[in-house]
Amino acid sequence: MTNSQADDVERLLLTLKLHGVFPEVISSAKKPQNTSKHFQELLSRYHVKAEEAVSIGDNYLNEIAPAEQMNMQAILIDPAGKAEVRENTKVVSTLSELFEEIKAL
């Protein structure tokens, strides 16, 4: 889920060799206003309980706060490591740490 336009997202995914990795991409998501709505739709579509889902992002207001409010798990990428988060949210400072957290889930 991103606020970027679809063509920009497609180009970025191709450049990073991630095209086809995600089963669904939501562009022009209008985060944070519509983040919870998008989460709800995804949870329903994939028959997943909020507690079983995880939101990963680098913007607390756009990706993490809505997840916390819905009792989802969350991982905030915060290189400074100074963000205050709820107990169901982990904070990592690097992508390497992120991958370790994902393995632990």
N, C-alpha and C. Protein backbone atom coordinates (compact mmCIF):
# COMPACT_ATOMS: atom_id res chain seq x y z
N MET A 1 0.85 -1.16 0.00
CA MET A 1 0.00 0.00 0.00
C MET A 1 0.90 1.23 0.00
N THR A 2 0.64 2.10 -0.95
CA THR A 2 1.47 3.29 -1.10
C THR A 2 0.63 4.46 -1.59
N ASN A 3 1.08 5.64 -1.31
CA ASN A 3 0.43 6.84 -1.83
C ASN A 3 0.91 7.17 -3.24
N SER A 4 1.91 6.47 -3.71
CA SER A 4 2.45 6.72 -5.05
C SER A 4 1.48 6.28 -6.13
N GLN A 5 1.64 6.87 -7.31
CA GLN A 5 0.83 6.51 -8.48
C GLN A 5 1.20 5.12 -8.98
N ALA A 6 0.28 4.42 -9.59
CA ALA A 6 0.48 3.04 -10.05
C ALA A 6 1.67 2.89 -10.98
N ASP A 7 1.84 3.81 -11.93
CA ASP A 7 2.97 3.67 -12.87
C ASP A 7 4.32 3.84 -12.17
N ASP A 8 4.37 4.73 -11.16
CA ASP A 8 5.61 4.89 -10.39
C ASP A 8 5.92 3.63 -9.58
N VAL A 9 4.89 3.05 -9.00
CA VAL A 9 5.07 1.82 -8.21
C VAL A 9 5.56 0.70 -9.11
N GLU A 10 4.95 0.56 -10.25
CA GLU A 10 5.34 -0.50 -11.20
C GLU A 10 6.81 -0.36 -11.60
N ARG A 11 7.21 0.87 -11.91
CA ARG A 11 8.60 1.14 -12.29
C ARG A 11 9.56 0.79 -11.15
N LEU A 12 9.19 1.19 -9.93
CA LEU A 12 10.04 0.92 -8.77
C LEU A 12 10.15 -0.58 -8.51
N LEU A 13 9.04 -1.29 -8.57
CA LEU A 13 9.08 -2.74 -8.35
C LEU A 13 9.94 -3.44 -9.40
N LEU A 14 9.85 -2.98 -10.64
CA LEU A 14 10.69 -3.56 -11.69
C LEU A 14 12.17 -3.26 -11.43
N THR A 15 12.47 -2.02 -11.07
CA THR A 15 13.85 -1.62 -10.79
C THR A 15 14.45 -2.42 -9.64
N LEU A 16 13.64 -2.67 -8.60
CA LEU A 16 14.12 -3.41 -7.42
C LEU A 16 14.00 -4.93 -7.58
N LYS A 17 13.56 -5.35 -8.77
CA LYS A 17 13.36 -6.78 -9.06
C LYS A 17 12.38 -7.41 -8.08
N LEU A 18 11.32 -6.65 -7.76
CA LEU A 18 10.27 -7.12 -6.87
C LEU A 18 8.93 -7.28 -7.59
N HIS A 19 8.93 -7.11 -8.90
CA HIS A 19 7.69 -7.25 -9.66
C HIS A 19 7.17 -8.67 -9.51
N GLY A 20 5.91 -8.79 -9.15
CA GLY A 20 5.30 -10.10 -8.99
C GLY A 20 5.46 -10.71 -7.60
N VAL A 21 6.22 -10.04 -6.73
CA VAL A 21 6.43 -10.56 -5.37
C VAL A 21 5.17 -10.40 -4.52
N PHE A 22 4.48 -9.29 -4.68
CA PHE A 22 3.30 -9.01 -3.87
C PHE A 22 2.04 -9.42 -4.63
N PRO A 23 1.15 -10.18 -3.98
CA PRO A 23 -0.07 -10.61 -4.67
C PRO A 23 -1.01 -9.45 -4.99
N GLU A 24 -0.83 -8.35 -4.30
CA GLU A 24 -1.70 -7.20 -4.51
C GLU A 24 -0.94 -5.94 -4.16
N VAL A 25 -1.10 -4.90 -4.97
CA VAL A 25 -0.48 -3.60 -4.71
C VAL A 25 -1.59 -2.56 -4.72
N ILE A 26 -1.64 -1.77 -3.67
CA ILE A 26 -2.63 -0.69 -3.59
C ILE A 26 -1.87 0.62 -3.76
N SER A 27 -2.05 1.25 -4.90
CA SER A 27 -1.41 2.54 -5.15
C SER A 27 -2.43 3.66 -4.92
N SER A 28 -1.94 4.88 -4.85
CA SER A 28 -2.82 6.04 -4.58
C SER A 28 -3.73 5.75 -3.40
N ALA A 29 -3.17 5.23 -2.32
CA ALA A 29 -3.95 4.73 -1.18
C ALA A 29 -4.54 5.81 -0.30
N LYS A 30 -4.06 7.03 -0.44
CA LYS A 30 -4.53 8.15 0.39
C LYS A 30 -4.36 7.85 1.88
N LYS A 31 -3.12 7.44 2.22
CA LYS A 31 -2.79 7.22 3.63
C LYS A 31 -2.53 8.57 4.28
N PRO A 32 -2.81 8.80 5.50
CA PRO A 32 -3.37 7.88 6.48
C PRO A 32 -4.89 7.84 6.53
N GLN A 33 -5.56 8.73 5.78
CA GLN A 33 -7.02 8.80 5.87
C GLN A 33 -7.69 7.46 5.58
N ASN A 34 -7.20 6.73 4.58
CA ASN A 34 -7.86 5.49 4.16
C ASN A 34 -7.12 4.22 4.58
N THR A 35 -6.09 4.35 5.39
CA THR A 35 -5.31 3.17 5.76
C THR A 35 -6.17 2.11 6.44
N SER A 36 -6.92 2.49 7.45
CA SER A 36 -7.76 1.52 8.17
C SER A 36 -8.77 0.85 7.25
N LYS A 37 -9.34 1.63 6.34
CA LYS A 37 -10.30 1.06 5.39
C LYS A 37 -9.61 0.00 4.51
N HIS A 38 -8.43 0.31 4.02
CA HIS A 38 -7.70 -0.65 3.20
C HIS A 38 -7.34 -1.90 4.00
N PHE A 39 -6.89 -1.70 5.25
CA PHE A 39 -6.57 -2.85 6.11
C PHE A 39 -7.80 -3.73 6.28
N GLN A 40 -8.94 -3.11 6.59
CA GLN A 40 -10.18 -3.87 6.79
C GLN A 40 -10.53 -4.69 5.56
N GLU A 41 -10.43 -4.08 4.39
CA GLU A 41 -10.74 -4.78 3.13
C GLU A 41 -9.79 -5.95 2.92
N LEU A 42 -8.51 -5.76 3.20
CA LEU A 42 -7.53 -6.84 3.02
C LEU A 42 -7.77 -7.98 4.01
N LEU A 43 -8.04 -7.63 5.26
CA LEU A 43 -8.32 -8.66 6.26
C LEU A 43 -9.52 -9.49 5.85
N SER A 44 -10.54 -8.83 5.38
CA SER A 44 -11.76 -9.52 4.95
C SER A 44 -11.51 -10.37 3.71
N ARG A 45 -10.83 -9.82 2.71
CA ARG A 45 -10.57 -10.53 1.46
C ARG A 45 -9.75 -11.80 1.68
N TYR A 46 -8.77 -11.72 2.58
CA TYR A 46 -7.87 -12.86 2.80
C TYR A 46 -8.24 -13.68 4.05
N HIS A 47 -9.38 -13.35 4.66
CA HIS A 47 -9.90 -14.09 5.82
C HIS A 47 -8.85 -14.20 6.93
N VAL A 48 -8.31 -13.05 7.31
CA VAL A 48 -7.27 -12.98 8.33
C VAL A 48 -7.79 -12.11 9.47
N LYS A 49 -7.55 -12.56 10.71
CA LYS A 49 -7.89 -11.75 11.88
C LYS A 49 -6.84 -10.66 12.03
N ALA A 50 -7.26 -9.53 12.58
CA ALA A 50 -6.33 -8.40 12.75
C ALA A 50 -5.08 -8.80 13.53
N GLU A 51 -5.26 -9.61 14.58
CA GLU A 51 -4.12 -10.01 15.41
C GLU A 51 -3.12 -10.88 14.64
N GLU A 52 -3.54 -11.45 13.52
CA GLU A 52 -2.68 -12.33 12.73
C GLU A 52 -1.97 -11.58 11.60
N ALA A 53 -2.30 -10.31 11.45
CA ALA A 53 -1.73 -9.51 10.35
C ALA A 53 -0.65 -8.58 10.88
N VAL A 54 0.23 -8.19 9.98
CA VAL A 54 1.30 -7.26 10.35
C VAL A 54 1.41 -6.16 9.31
N SER A 55 1.57 -4.94 9.79
CA SER A 55 1.83 -3.80 8.91
C SER A 55 3.29 -3.41 9.10
N ILE A 56 4.00 -3.26 8.00
CA ILE A 56 5.40 -2.87 8.04
C ILE A 56 5.53 -1.53 7.32
N GLY A 57 6.14 -0.58 7.97
CA GLY A 57 6.28 0.72 7.33
C GLY A 57 7.30 1.61 8.00
N ASP A 58 7.60 2.70 7.32
CA ASP A 58 8.57 3.66 7.86
C ASP A 58 7.91 4.97 8.26
N ASN A 59 6.59 5.02 8.20
CA ASN A 59 5.87 6.22 8.58
C ASN A 59 4.85 5.84 9.65
N TYR A 60 5.08 6.30 10.87
CA TYR A 60 4.22 5.91 11.99
C TYR A 60 2.76 6.25 11.73
N LEU A 61 2.48 7.47 11.31
CA LEU A 61 1.09 7.90 11.12
C LEU A 61 0.40 7.17 9.97
N ASN A 62 1.13 6.89 8.91
CA ASN A 62 0.53 6.27 7.73
C ASN A 62 0.29 4.77 7.86
N GLU A 63 1.25 4.06 8.44
CA GLU A 63 1.17 2.60 8.43
C GLU A 63 1.05 1.95 9.80
N ILE A 64 1.61 2.55 10.82
CA ILE A 64 1.70 1.89 12.12
C ILE A 64 0.53 2.24 13.04
N ALA A 65 0.23 3.52 13.21
CA ALA A 65 -0.85 3.93 14.10
C ALA A 65 -2.19 3.27 13.73
N PRO A 66 -2.57 3.25 12.44
CA PRO A 66 -3.83 2.57 12.10
C PRO A 66 -3.80 1.08 12.44
N ALA A 67 -2.65 0.44 12.24
CA ALA A 67 -2.53 -0.98 12.58
C ALA A 67 -2.67 -1.18 14.09
N GLU A 68 -2.03 -0.33 14.87
CA GLU A 68 -2.13 -0.43 16.32
C GLU A 68 -3.58 -0.27 16.78
N GLN A 69 -4.29 0.67 16.18
CA GLN A 69 -5.68 0.91 16.55
C GLN A 69 -6.58 -0.29 16.24
N MET A 70 -6.18 -1.09 15.27
CA MET A 70 -6.96 -2.27 14.88
C MET A 70 -6.45 -3.54 15.55
N ASN A 71 -5.48 -3.42 16.46
CA ASN A 71 -4.87 -4.55 17.15
C ASN A 71 -4.08 -5.47 16.23
N MET A 72 -3.58 -4.90 15.15
CA MET A 72 -2.68 -5.65 14.28
C MET A 72 -1.28 -5.58 14.86
N GLN A 73 -0.43 -6.49 14.44
CA GLN A 73 0.98 -6.37 14.76
C GLN A 73 1.57 -5.34 13.80
N ALA A 74 2.69 -4.76 14.19
CA ALA A 74 3.31 -3.77 13.31
C ALA A 74 4.82 -3.76 13.54
N ILE A 75 5.52 -3.41 12.48
CA ILE A 75 6.97 -3.22 12.56
C ILE A 75 7.28 -1.87 11.93
N LEU A 76 7.83 -0.99 12.73
CA LEU A 76 8.21 0.34 12.27
C LEU A 76 9.70 0.35 11.95
N ILE A 77 10.02 0.78 10.75
CA ILE A 77 11.42 0.94 10.36
C ILE A 77 11.80 2.37 10.74
N ASP A 78 12.61 2.50 11.79
CA ASP A 78 12.98 3.80 12.33
C ASP A 78 14.48 3.82 12.59
N PRO A 79 15.27 4.30 11.61
CA PRO A 79 16.73 4.30 11.77
C PRO A 79 17.20 5.01 13.05
N ALA A 80 16.48 6.01 13.51
CA ALA A 80 16.87 6.73 14.72
C ALA A 80 16.49 5.95 15.98
N GLY A 81 15.50 5.06 15.86
CA GLY A 81 15.07 4.25 17.00
C GLY A 81 14.45 5.05 18.14
N LYS A 82 13.82 6.16 17.81
CA LYS A 82 13.29 7.04 18.85
C LYS A 82 11.77 7.08 18.92
N ALA A 83 11.11 6.38 18.04
CA ALA A 83 9.65 6.42 18.01
C ALA A 83 9.06 5.70 19.21
N GLU A 84 7.98 6.24 19.74
CA GLU A 84 7.25 5.58 20.81
C GLU A 84 6.09 4.82 20.18
N VAL A 85 6.00 3.53 20.50
CA VAL A 85 4.99 2.67 19.90
C VAL A 85 4.31 1.84 20.98
N ARG A 86 3.21 1.20 20.61
CA ARG A 86 2.50 0.32 21.54
C ARG A 86 3.23 -1.01 21.64
N GLU A 87 2.81 -1.82 22.61
CA GLU A 87 3.53 -3.07 22.86
C GLU A 87 3.44 -4.09 21.74
N ASN A 88 2.41 -4.03 20.89
CA ASN A 88 2.33 -4.99 19.78
C ASN A 88 3.08 -4.52 18.54
N THR A 89 3.90 -3.47 18.71
CA THR A 89 4.70 -2.94 17.60
C THR A 89 6.18 -3.08 17.93
N LYS A 90 6.91 -3.57 16.97
CA LYS A 90 8.36 -3.68 17.11
C LYS A 90 8.99 -2.54 16.32
N VAL A 91 10.16 -2.10 16.75
CA VAL A 91 10.89 -1.05 16.05
C VAL A 91 12.23 -1.64 15.62
N VAL A 92 12.54 -1.46 14.34
CA VAL A 92 13.83 -1.89 13.80
C VAL A 92 14.49 -0.68 13.17
N SER A 93 15.82 -0.73 13.10
CA SER A 93 16.52 0.42 12.51
C SER A 93 17.07 0.12 11.12
N THR A 94 17.13 -1.15 10.75
CA THR A 94 17.67 -1.52 9.44
C THR A 94 16.81 -2.59 8.78
N LEU A 95 16.99 -2.76 7.49
CA LEU A 95 16.27 -3.83 6.78
C LEU A 95 16.71 -5.20 7.27
N SER A 96 17.96 -5.35 7.65
CA SER A 96 18.44 -6.63 8.19
C SER A 96 17.66 -6.99 9.45
N GLU A 97 17.47 -6.02 10.33
CA GLU A 97 16.68 -6.25 11.54
C GLU A 97 15.23 -6.58 11.18
N LEU A 98 14.71 -5.91 10.15
CA LEU A 98 13.35 -6.18 9.70
C LEU A 98 13.20 -7.64 9.29
N PHE A 99 14.14 -8.14 8.50
CA PHE A 99 14.07 -9.53 8.05
C PHE A 99 14.14 -10.50 9.22
N GLU A 100 14.91 -10.18 10.23
CA GLU A 100 14.99 -11.02 11.43
C GLU A 100 13.65 -11.03 12.16
N GLU A 101 13.01 -9.89 12.26
CA GLU A 101 11.69 -9.80 12.91
C GLU A 101 10.65 -10.59 12.13
N ILE A 102 10.70 -10.50 10.82
CA ILE A 102 9.73 -11.24 9.99
C ILE A 102 9.92 -12.73 10.19
N LYS A 103 11.15 -13.19 10.25
CA LYS A 103 11.41 -14.61 10.48
C LYS A 103 10.83 -15.06 11.82
N ALA A 104 10.90 -14.18 12.83
CA ALA A 104 10.43 -14.51 14.17
C ALA A 104 8.89 -14.58 14.24
N LEU A 105 8.21 -13.93 13.31
CA LEU A 105 6.75 -13.97 13.32
C LEU A 105 6.33 -15.33 12.91
